[in-house]
Amino acid sequence: MPVTAKVRIIVDQAAVREFLTSPAGPVYQFIDDKAQKVRDAAKRYAPEQSGDLRGSIDYQMFVNNLTVYAWVGSRLPYAIFVHEGTGIYGPRHSMIYPQRGRYLVFTPSSGMGSWGQAAPGADHPAGGKVFARAVRGMPGTPYLYFAMLLELPGWPVRRIPLTG
C-alpha cells in the first residue's frame, strides 16, 4: 500500500527579505565587501596628477525589491574621459578641433610633456601655452575595468564600448 504525505511549506517573506537585503545580512555584506575591494583597486589604478580623481572614487550600496547592488565610480565630470580616452583614442575615434575660434589653447600638464598631444602644425612656445588647430586626445586608463577584473575573478566582467 502506497504511503502519501501532504506537505505545506510556509515561507516567512519578512525573514527572506531580511536575509537578502538587510545591511546586516550575508548577501548585502558580500556585495558591500566586493564593492569596497573594487573601489580600493580602482584608486590604485587611477592615474594621479592632482589626486582629485583618486580621492573621488567611492561606492554606494542600493537595494531594489530583493536585489542588492553597488555603484562604484567617480562623479567628477572628467572621470569618464580619463577612463575611456578622448579624441582618436576615445569612443568617437576622431581628432579634436576647436568649437569656437581657430585654435585650441591650453597649457600642457606635467604629464603631457612639452608638446602635450598637439597635432603637427601646432604653435607651441617653450614652457607656455599650446595653440593647436587640432589635437589627437589622450588614451584612456580603464581603472575601473582593471579593478573589476582583479577583484571579481570568474565574474562575467566585460567592457561595453561607448558610442560617440
N, C-alpha and C. Protein backbone atom coordinates (compact mmCIF):
# COMPACT_ATOMS: atom_id res chain seq x y z
N MET A 1 0.82 -1.17 0.00
CA MET A 1 0.00 0.00 0.00
C MET A 1 0.88 1.25 0.00
N PRO A 2 0.65 2.16 -0.99
CA PRO A 2 1.47 3.36 -1.08
C PRO A 2 1.20 4.31 0.10
N VAL A 3 2.29 4.97 0.47
CA VAL A 3 2.18 5.97 1.55
C VAL A 3 2.26 7.35 0.92
N THR A 4 1.37 8.20 1.27
CA THR A 4 1.37 9.57 0.76
C THR A 4 1.45 10.53 1.92
N ALA A 5 2.01 11.68 1.60
CA ALA A 5 2.09 12.71 2.63
C ALA A 5 1.76 14.05 1.98
N LYS A 6 1.14 14.86 2.71
CA LYS A 6 0.81 16.19 2.25
C LYS A 6 1.68 17.16 3.06
N VAL A 7 2.45 17.99 2.31
CA VAL A 7 3.35 18.92 2.98
C VAL A 7 2.95 20.34 2.59
N ARG A 8 2.93 21.18 3.57
CA ARG A 8 2.63 22.58 3.32
C ARG A 8 3.83 23.39 3.81
N ILE A 9 4.41 24.17 2.89
CA ILE A 9 5.55 25.00 3.25
C ILE A 9 5.09 26.44 3.33
N ILE A 10 5.37 27.05 4.42
CA ILE A 10 5.02 28.46 4.61
C ILE A 10 6.33 29.24 4.66
N VAL A 11 6.51 30.14 3.71
CA VAL A 11 7.73 30.93 3.64
C VAL A 11 7.51 32.25 4.38
N ASP A 12 8.41 32.53 5.28
CA ASP A 12 8.36 33.78 6.02
C ASP A 12 8.98 34.87 5.14
N GLN A 13 8.12 35.59 4.41
CA GLN A 13 8.59 36.59 3.45
C GLN A 13 9.45 37.66 4.12
N ALA A 14 9.09 38.06 5.31
CA ALA A 14 9.86 39.09 6.01
C ALA A 14 11.27 38.58 6.32
N ALA A 15 11.38 37.33 6.70
CA ALA A 15 12.70 36.76 7.00
C ALA A 15 13.54 36.63 5.73
N VAL A 16 12.92 36.25 4.62
CA VAL A 16 13.65 36.16 3.35
C VAL A 16 14.15 37.54 2.94
N ARG A 17 13.28 38.54 3.03
CA ARG A 17 13.68 39.91 2.69
C ARG A 17 14.81 40.38 3.59
N GLU A 18 14.72 40.11 4.86
CA GLU A 18 15.77 40.48 5.82
C GLU A 18 17.09 39.80 5.45
N PHE A 19 17.03 38.51 5.12
CA PHE A 19 18.21 37.73 4.77
C PHE A 19 18.89 38.29 3.53
N LEU A 20 18.10 38.66 2.53
CA LEU A 20 18.65 39.10 1.25
C LEU A 20 19.07 40.57 1.22
N THR A 21 18.32 41.44 1.90
CA THR A 21 18.54 42.87 1.68
C THR A 21 18.96 43.68 2.90
N SER A 22 18.95 43.11 4.07
CA SER A 22 19.35 43.86 5.26
C SER A 22 20.84 44.14 5.23
N PRO A 23 21.27 45.34 5.62
CA PRO A 23 22.70 45.62 5.70
C PRO A 23 23.46 44.65 6.61
N ALA A 24 22.77 44.01 7.51
CA ALA A 24 23.42 43.02 8.38
C ALA A 24 23.38 41.62 7.77
N GLY A 25 22.65 41.46 6.67
CA GLY A 25 22.50 40.14 6.05
C GLY A 25 23.71 39.74 5.22
N PRO A 26 23.86 38.44 4.94
CA PRO A 26 25.04 37.95 4.23
C PRO A 26 25.12 38.39 2.77
N VAL A 27 24.00 38.55 2.09
CA VAL A 27 24.04 38.97 0.68
C VAL A 27 24.52 40.42 0.59
N TYR A 28 23.94 41.29 1.38
CA TYR A 28 24.33 42.70 1.40
C TYR A 28 25.80 42.82 1.78
N GLN A 29 26.22 42.09 2.80
CA GLN A 29 27.61 42.14 3.26
C GLN A 29 28.58 41.67 2.18
N PHE A 30 28.20 40.63 1.43
CA PHE A 30 29.04 40.11 0.36
C PHE A 30 29.23 41.16 -0.73
N ILE A 31 28.14 41.79 -1.17
CA ILE A 31 28.21 42.81 -2.22
C ILE A 31 28.97 44.03 -1.71
N ASP A 32 28.74 44.41 -0.47
CA ASP A 32 29.44 45.54 0.13
C ASP A 32 30.96 45.29 0.15
N ASP A 33 31.36 44.09 0.52
CA ASP A 33 32.77 43.72 0.57
C ASP A 33 33.40 43.79 -0.82
N LYS A 34 32.72 43.25 -1.81
CA LYS A 34 33.23 43.29 -3.19
C LYS A 34 33.34 44.73 -3.69
N ALA A 35 32.34 45.56 -3.40
CA ALA A 35 32.36 46.95 -3.84
C ALA A 35 33.52 47.71 -3.21
N GLN A 36 33.79 47.47 -1.94
CA GLN A 36 34.92 48.13 -1.28
C GLN A 36 36.24 47.73 -1.93
N LYS A 37 36.38 46.44 -2.24
CA LYS A 37 37.62 45.96 -2.87
C LYS A 37 37.80 46.55 -4.26
N VAL A 38 36.72 46.63 -5.04
CA VAL A 38 36.80 47.23 -6.37
C VAL A 38 37.16 48.71 -6.24
N ARG A 39 36.53 49.40 -5.31
CA ARG A 39 36.84 50.83 -5.09
C ARG A 39 38.32 51.02 -4.75
N ASP A 40 38.83 50.22 -3.83
CA ASP A 40 40.23 50.36 -3.41
C ASP A 40 41.19 50.06 -4.56
N ALA A 41 40.89 49.03 -5.36
CA ALA A 41 41.74 48.70 -6.50
C ALA A 41 41.67 49.81 -7.56
N ALA A 42 40.48 50.37 -7.79
CA ALA A 42 40.32 51.45 -8.77
C ALA A 42 41.15 52.66 -8.35
N LYS A 43 41.21 52.94 -7.07
CA LYS A 43 42.03 54.06 -6.59
C LYS A 43 43.51 53.80 -6.87
N ARG A 44 43.93 52.55 -6.77
CA ARG A 44 45.33 52.21 -7.07
C ARG A 44 45.63 52.36 -8.56
N TYR A 45 44.68 51.99 -9.42
CA TYR A 45 44.90 52.01 -10.87
C TYR A 45 44.64 53.37 -11.50
N ALA A 46 43.89 54.24 -10.86
CA ALA A 46 43.56 55.55 -11.44
C ALA A 46 44.82 56.39 -11.57
N PRO A 47 44.96 57.12 -12.69
CA PRO A 47 46.14 57.98 -12.83
C PRO A 47 46.12 59.08 -11.77
N GLU A 48 47.30 59.49 -11.38
CA GLU A 48 47.38 60.51 -10.34
C GLU A 48 48.13 61.72 -10.86
N GLN A 49 47.39 62.80 -11.11
CA GLN A 49 48.04 64.06 -11.43
C GLN A 49 47.86 64.98 -10.23
N SER A 50 46.64 65.31 -9.93
CA SER A 50 46.39 66.16 -8.77
C SER A 50 45.92 65.33 -7.58
N GLY A 51 45.47 64.10 -7.83
CA GLY A 51 44.93 63.27 -6.76
C GLY A 51 43.43 63.41 -6.61
N ASP A 52 42.84 64.37 -7.34
CA ASP A 52 41.40 64.60 -7.23
C ASP A 52 40.59 63.38 -7.69
N LEU A 53 40.99 62.78 -8.80
CA LEU A 53 40.25 61.64 -9.33
C LEU A 53 40.31 60.47 -8.34
N ARG A 54 41.49 60.13 -7.89
CA ARG A 54 41.63 59.03 -6.93
C ARG A 54 40.80 59.29 -5.68
N GLY A 55 40.84 60.51 -5.20
CA GLY A 55 40.09 60.85 -4.00
C GLY A 55 38.58 60.82 -4.18
N SER A 56 38.14 60.94 -5.43
CA SER A 56 36.69 60.99 -5.68
C SER A 56 36.07 59.61 -5.90
N ILE A 57 36.90 58.58 -6.07
CA ILE A 57 36.36 57.24 -6.34
C ILE A 57 35.75 56.68 -5.07
N ASP A 58 34.50 56.30 -5.17
CA ASP A 58 33.77 55.81 -4.00
C ASP A 58 32.78 54.74 -4.45
N TYR A 59 32.01 54.24 -3.51
CA TYR A 59 30.97 53.28 -3.85
C TYR A 59 29.72 53.59 -3.04
N GLN A 60 28.60 53.09 -3.54
CA GLN A 60 27.32 53.29 -2.87
C GLN A 60 26.50 52.03 -3.04
N MET A 61 25.85 51.62 -1.97
CA MET A 61 25.01 50.42 -1.99
C MET A 61 23.56 50.79 -2.26
N PHE A 62 22.85 49.89 -2.97
CA PHE A 62 21.44 50.09 -3.29
C PHE A 62 20.68 48.79 -3.07
N VAL A 63 19.44 48.92 -2.68
CA VAL A 63 18.53 47.78 -2.57
C VAL A 63 17.27 48.14 -3.32
N ASN A 64 16.86 47.28 -4.25
CA ASN A 64 15.65 47.49 -5.02
C ASN A 64 14.87 46.18 -5.00
N ASN A 65 13.74 46.17 -4.32
CA ASN A 65 12.97 44.95 -4.09
C ASN A 65 13.88 43.91 -3.43
N LEU A 66 14.16 42.81 -4.06
CA LEU A 66 15.03 41.80 -3.46
C LEU A 66 16.41 41.77 -4.13
N THR A 67 16.79 42.87 -4.78
CA THR A 67 18.07 42.95 -5.46
C THR A 67 18.99 43.91 -4.71
N VAL A 68 20.21 43.44 -4.43
CA VAL A 68 21.22 44.27 -3.79
C VAL A 68 22.31 44.51 -4.82
N TYR A 69 22.68 45.77 -5.02
CA TYR A 69 23.75 46.07 -5.96
C TYR A 69 24.52 47.29 -5.48
N ALA A 70 25.71 47.48 -6.08
CA ALA A 70 26.58 48.59 -5.69
C ALA A 70 26.98 49.36 -6.93
N TRP A 71 27.17 50.65 -6.76
CA TRP A 71 27.74 51.54 -7.78
C TRP A 71 29.14 51.89 -7.31
N VAL A 72 30.13 51.76 -8.17
CA VAL A 72 31.50 52.15 -7.87
C VAL A 72 31.95 53.09 -8.97
N GLY A 73 32.50 54.22 -8.61
CA GLY A 73 32.96 55.15 -9.63
C GLY A 73 33.27 56.50 -9.06
N SER A 74 33.35 57.48 -9.96
CA SER A 74 33.62 58.87 -9.61
C SER A 74 32.53 59.74 -10.22
N ARG A 75 32.16 60.76 -9.50
CA ARG A 75 31.17 61.69 -10.03
C ARG A 75 31.82 62.94 -10.63
N LEU A 76 33.16 62.94 -10.71
CA LEU A 76 33.83 64.08 -11.35
C LEU A 76 33.46 64.09 -12.84
N PRO A 77 33.19 65.26 -13.39
CA PRO A 77 32.75 65.33 -14.79
C PRO A 77 33.79 64.77 -15.78
N TYR A 78 35.07 64.87 -15.45
CA TYR A 78 36.09 64.42 -16.40
C TYR A 78 36.49 62.95 -16.22
N ALA A 79 35.97 62.27 -15.23
CA ALA A 79 36.36 60.88 -14.94
C ALA A 79 36.11 59.96 -16.14
N ILE A 80 35.01 60.13 -16.83
CA ILE A 80 34.69 59.29 -17.99
C ILE A 80 35.72 59.46 -19.10
N PHE A 81 36.25 60.68 -19.26
CA PHE A 81 37.24 60.93 -20.31
C PHE A 81 38.58 60.29 -19.96
N VAL A 82 38.93 60.30 -18.67
CA VAL A 82 40.16 59.63 -18.24
C VAL A 82 40.02 58.12 -18.44
N HIS A 83 38.86 57.58 -18.11
CA HIS A 83 38.63 56.13 -18.20
C HIS A 83 38.57 55.66 -19.66
N GLU A 84 37.84 56.37 -20.49
CA GLU A 84 37.58 55.92 -21.86
C GLU A 84 38.50 56.52 -22.91
N GLY A 85 39.17 57.63 -22.59
CA GLY A 85 40.02 58.29 -23.57
C GLY A 85 39.26 59.36 -24.33
N THR A 86 40.01 60.18 -25.04
CA THR A 86 39.41 61.27 -25.83
C THR A 86 40.01 61.28 -27.22
N GLY A 87 39.41 62.02 -28.10
CA GLY A 87 39.94 62.18 -29.45
C GLY A 87 40.01 60.86 -30.20
N ILE A 88 41.14 60.63 -30.87
CA ILE A 88 41.27 59.41 -31.67
C ILE A 88 41.29 58.16 -30.80
N TYR A 89 41.56 58.32 -29.51
CA TYR A 89 41.61 57.18 -28.59
C TYR A 89 40.26 56.91 -27.92
N GLY A 90 39.35 57.85 -28.02
CA GLY A 90 38.05 57.74 -27.34
C GLY A 90 36.99 57.09 -28.21
N PRO A 91 35.76 57.16 -27.76
CA PRO A 91 34.66 56.49 -28.47
C PRO A 91 34.40 57.01 -29.88
N ARG A 92 34.72 58.28 -30.14
CA ARG A 92 34.45 58.84 -31.46
C ARG A 92 35.59 58.59 -32.45
N HIS A 93 36.76 58.26 -31.97
CA HIS A 93 37.92 57.94 -32.82
C HIS A 93 38.20 59.05 -33.84
N SER A 94 38.16 60.30 -33.40
CA SER A 94 38.43 61.40 -34.33
C SER A 94 39.22 62.49 -33.61
N MET A 95 39.93 63.28 -34.39
CA MET A 95 40.71 64.39 -33.85
C MET A 95 39.77 65.37 -33.13
N ILE A 96 40.35 66.15 -32.25
CA ILE A 96 39.60 67.18 -31.53
C ILE A 96 39.94 68.52 -32.17
N TYR A 97 38.90 69.22 -32.62
CA TYR A 97 39.06 70.51 -33.27
C TYR A 97 38.40 71.60 -32.43
N PRO A 98 38.83 72.85 -32.58
CA PRO A 98 38.20 73.93 -31.81
C PRO A 98 36.73 74.11 -32.20
N GLN A 99 35.90 74.36 -31.23
CA GLN A 99 34.48 74.61 -31.49
C GLN A 99 34.24 76.09 -31.80
N ARG A 100 35.03 76.94 -31.16
CA ARG A 100 34.95 78.39 -31.40
C ARG A 100 36.37 78.89 -31.65
N GLY A 101 36.56 79.70 -32.61
CA GLY A 101 37.90 80.23 -32.90
C GLY A 101 38.70 79.27 -33.77
N ARG A 102 39.95 79.66 -34.05
CA ARG A 102 40.78 78.89 -34.97
C ARG A 102 41.69 77.90 -34.24
N TYR A 103 41.93 78.13 -32.94
CA TYR A 103 42.88 77.30 -32.21
C TYR A 103 42.29 76.79 -30.90
N LEU A 104 42.76 75.63 -30.51
CA LEU A 104 42.58 75.17 -29.14
C LEU A 104 43.74 75.77 -28.36
N VAL A 105 43.48 76.36 -27.22
CA VAL A 105 44.53 76.98 -26.43
C VAL A 105 44.52 76.34 -25.05
N PHE A 106 45.67 75.78 -24.67
CA PHE A 106 45.77 75.15 -23.36
C PHE A 106 47.21 75.13 -22.91
N THR A 107 47.40 74.98 -21.61
CA THR A 107 48.72 74.81 -21.03
C THR A 107 48.89 73.33 -20.73
N PRO A 108 49.93 72.69 -21.30
CA PRO A 108 50.08 71.26 -21.07
C PRO A 108 50.35 70.96 -19.59
N SER A 109 49.81 69.85 -19.13
CA SER A 109 50.07 69.43 -17.76
C SER A 109 51.44 68.77 -17.70
N SER A 110 51.94 68.55 -16.50
CA SER A 110 53.28 67.98 -16.35
C SER A 110 53.39 66.59 -16.97
N GLY A 111 52.31 65.86 -17.01
CA GLY A 111 52.35 64.51 -17.57
C GLY A 111 52.29 64.47 -19.08
N MET A 112 52.09 65.61 -19.74
CA MET A 112 51.92 65.62 -21.18
C MET A 112 53.21 65.90 -21.93
N GLY A 113 54.28 66.29 -21.26
CA GLY A 113 55.49 66.64 -21.96
C GLY A 113 55.39 68.04 -22.54
N SER A 114 56.43 68.47 -23.25
CA SER A 114 56.45 69.85 -23.73
C SER A 114 55.45 70.09 -24.85
N TRP A 115 55.15 69.05 -25.64
CA TRP A 115 54.21 69.23 -26.75
C TRP A 115 52.81 68.77 -26.40
N GLY A 116 52.64 68.11 -25.29
CA GLY A 116 51.33 67.56 -24.99
C GLY A 116 50.95 66.57 -26.07
N GLN A 117 49.72 66.60 -26.49
CA GLN A 117 49.24 65.74 -27.56
C GLN A 117 48.90 66.59 -28.78
N ALA A 118 49.63 67.69 -28.95
CA ALA A 118 49.32 68.60 -30.06
C ALA A 118 49.61 67.94 -31.40
N ALA A 119 48.77 68.20 -32.35
CA ALA A 119 48.93 67.65 -33.69
C ALA A 119 50.01 68.41 -34.43
N PRO A 120 50.56 67.82 -35.51
CA PRO A 120 51.54 68.54 -36.31
C PRO A 120 50.98 69.90 -36.75
N GLY A 121 51.82 70.89 -36.74
CA GLY A 121 51.39 72.22 -37.13
C GLY A 121 50.98 73.09 -35.96
N ALA A 122 51.03 72.55 -34.75
CA ALA A 122 50.65 73.33 -33.58
C ALA A 122 51.77 74.30 -33.24
N ASP A 123 51.42 75.49 -32.79
CA ASP A 123 52.39 76.50 -32.41
C ASP A 123 52.56 76.41 -30.89
N HIS A 124 53.79 76.10 -30.44
CA HIS A 124 54.00 75.88 -29.00
C HIS A 124 55.22 76.64 -28.51
N PRO A 125 55.02 77.80 -27.87
CA PRO A 125 56.17 78.48 -27.28
C PRO A 125 56.68 77.67 -26.09
N ALA A 126 57.99 77.61 -25.91
CA ALA A 126 58.59 76.79 -24.86
C ALA A 126 58.06 77.19 -23.49
N GLY A 127 57.53 76.21 -22.76
CA GLY A 127 57.06 76.43 -21.40
C GLY A 127 55.77 77.21 -21.28
N GLY A 128 55.11 77.51 -22.38
CA GLY A 128 53.91 78.31 -22.30
C GLY A 128 52.68 77.56 -22.76
N LYS A 129 51.79 78.31 -23.36
CA LYS A 129 50.54 77.73 -23.83
C LYS A 129 50.73 77.04 -25.17
N VAL A 130 49.83 76.10 -25.44
CA VAL A 130 49.81 75.42 -26.74
C VAL A 130 48.66 76.03 -27.54
N PHE A 131 48.96 76.37 -28.80
CA PHE A 131 47.95 76.84 -29.74
C PHE A 131 47.89 75.79 -30.83
N ALA A 132 46.82 75.04 -30.90
CA ALA A 132 46.75 73.93 -31.86
C ALA A 132 45.47 74.02 -32.67
N ARG A 133 45.56 73.66 -33.92
CA ARG A 133 44.37 73.59 -34.78
C ARG A 133 43.60 72.30 -34.50
N ALA A 134 44.30 71.29 -34.00
CA ALA A 134 43.67 70.01 -33.64
C ALA A 134 44.60 69.26 -32.70
N VAL A 135 44.04 68.38 -31.90
CA VAL A 135 44.83 67.50 -31.05
C VAL A 135 44.33 66.08 -31.19
N ARG A 136 45.21 65.13 -30.92
CA ARG A 136 44.85 63.72 -31.02
C ARG A 136 44.03 63.25 -29.83
N GLY A 137 44.16 63.89 -28.69
CA GLY A 137 43.47 63.45 -27.49
C GLY A 137 44.40 62.63 -26.61
N MET A 138 43.81 61.84 -25.74
CA MET A 138 44.62 61.00 -24.85
C MET A 138 44.02 59.62 -24.74
N PRO A 139 44.88 58.61 -24.65
CA PRO A 139 44.35 57.25 -24.45
C PRO A 139 43.68 57.14 -23.08
N GLY A 140 42.72 56.28 -22.99
CA GLY A 140 42.05 56.07 -21.72
C GLY A 140 42.86 55.20 -20.78
N THR A 141 42.54 55.30 -19.51
CA THR A 141 43.10 54.43 -18.48
C THR A 141 41.90 53.78 -17.79
N PRO A 142 41.49 52.61 -18.23
CA PRO A 142 40.26 51.99 -17.70
C PRO A 142 40.48 51.39 -16.30
N TYR A 143 40.68 52.28 -15.34
CA TYR A 143 41.00 51.88 -13.97
C TYR A 143 39.87 51.09 -13.31
N LEU A 144 38.62 51.42 -13.59
CA LEU A 144 37.51 50.65 -13.01
C LEU A 144 37.43 49.25 -13.60
N TYR A 145 37.64 49.15 -14.89
CA TYR A 145 37.62 47.85 -15.56
C TYR A 145 38.74 46.96 -15.02
N PHE A 146 39.96 47.52 -14.90
CA PHE A 146 41.07 46.76 -14.34
C PHE A 146 40.76 46.30 -12.92
N ALA A 147 40.17 47.19 -12.13
CA ALA A 147 39.84 46.86 -10.74
C ALA A 147 38.83 45.72 -10.67
N MET A 148 37.84 45.75 -11.56
CA MET A 148 36.83 44.68 -11.55
C MET A 148 37.43 43.36 -11.99
N LEU A 149 38.32 43.37 -12.99
CA LEU A 149 38.98 42.13 -13.41
C LEU A 149 39.79 41.54 -12.26
N LEU A 150 40.47 42.41 -11.53
CA LEU A 150 41.32 41.95 -10.43
C LEU A 150 40.51 41.43 -9.25
N GLU A 151 39.48 42.14 -8.87
CA GLU A 151 38.75 41.83 -7.64
C GLU A 151 37.55 40.90 -7.83
N LEU A 152 37.14 40.69 -9.08
CA LEU A 152 35.99 39.83 -9.33
C LEU A 152 36.36 38.70 -10.29
N PRO A 153 37.40 37.91 -9.95
CA PRO A 153 37.81 36.85 -10.88
C PRO A 153 36.69 35.83 -11.06
N GLY A 154 36.49 35.41 -12.29
CA GLY A 154 35.44 34.44 -12.58
C GLY A 154 34.08 35.06 -12.81
N TRP A 155 33.92 36.35 -12.52
CA TRP A 155 32.65 37.03 -12.77
C TRP A 155 32.61 37.46 -14.23
N PRO A 156 31.44 37.59 -14.81
CA PRO A 156 31.34 38.00 -16.23
C PRO A 156 31.55 39.50 -16.41
N VAL A 157 32.81 39.94 -16.25
CA VAL A 157 33.15 41.36 -16.40
C VAL A 157 33.50 41.62 -17.85
N ARG A 158 32.88 42.62 -18.45
CA ARG A 158 33.20 42.98 -19.83
C ARG A 158 33.02 44.48 -20.00
N ARG A 159 33.76 45.04 -20.94
CA ARG A 159 33.64 46.46 -21.25
C ARG A 159 32.60 46.62 -22.34
N ILE A 160 31.72 47.55 -22.13
CA ILE A 160 30.72 47.88 -23.14
C ILE A 160 31.18 49.19 -23.78
N PRO A 161 31.57 49.15 -25.05
CA PRO A 161 32.11 50.37 -25.65
C PRO A 161 31.08 51.49 -25.71
N LEU A 162 31.55 52.68 -25.41
CA LEU A 162 30.69 53.85 -25.54
C LEU A 162 30.63 54.24 -27.00
N THR A 163 29.54 54.84 -27.38
CA THR A 163 29.44 55.34 -28.75
C THR A 163 29.44 56.85 -28.69
N GLY A 164 29.99 57.46 -29.74
CA GLY A 164 30.14 58.91 -29.79
C GLY A 164 28.82 59.59 -29.77
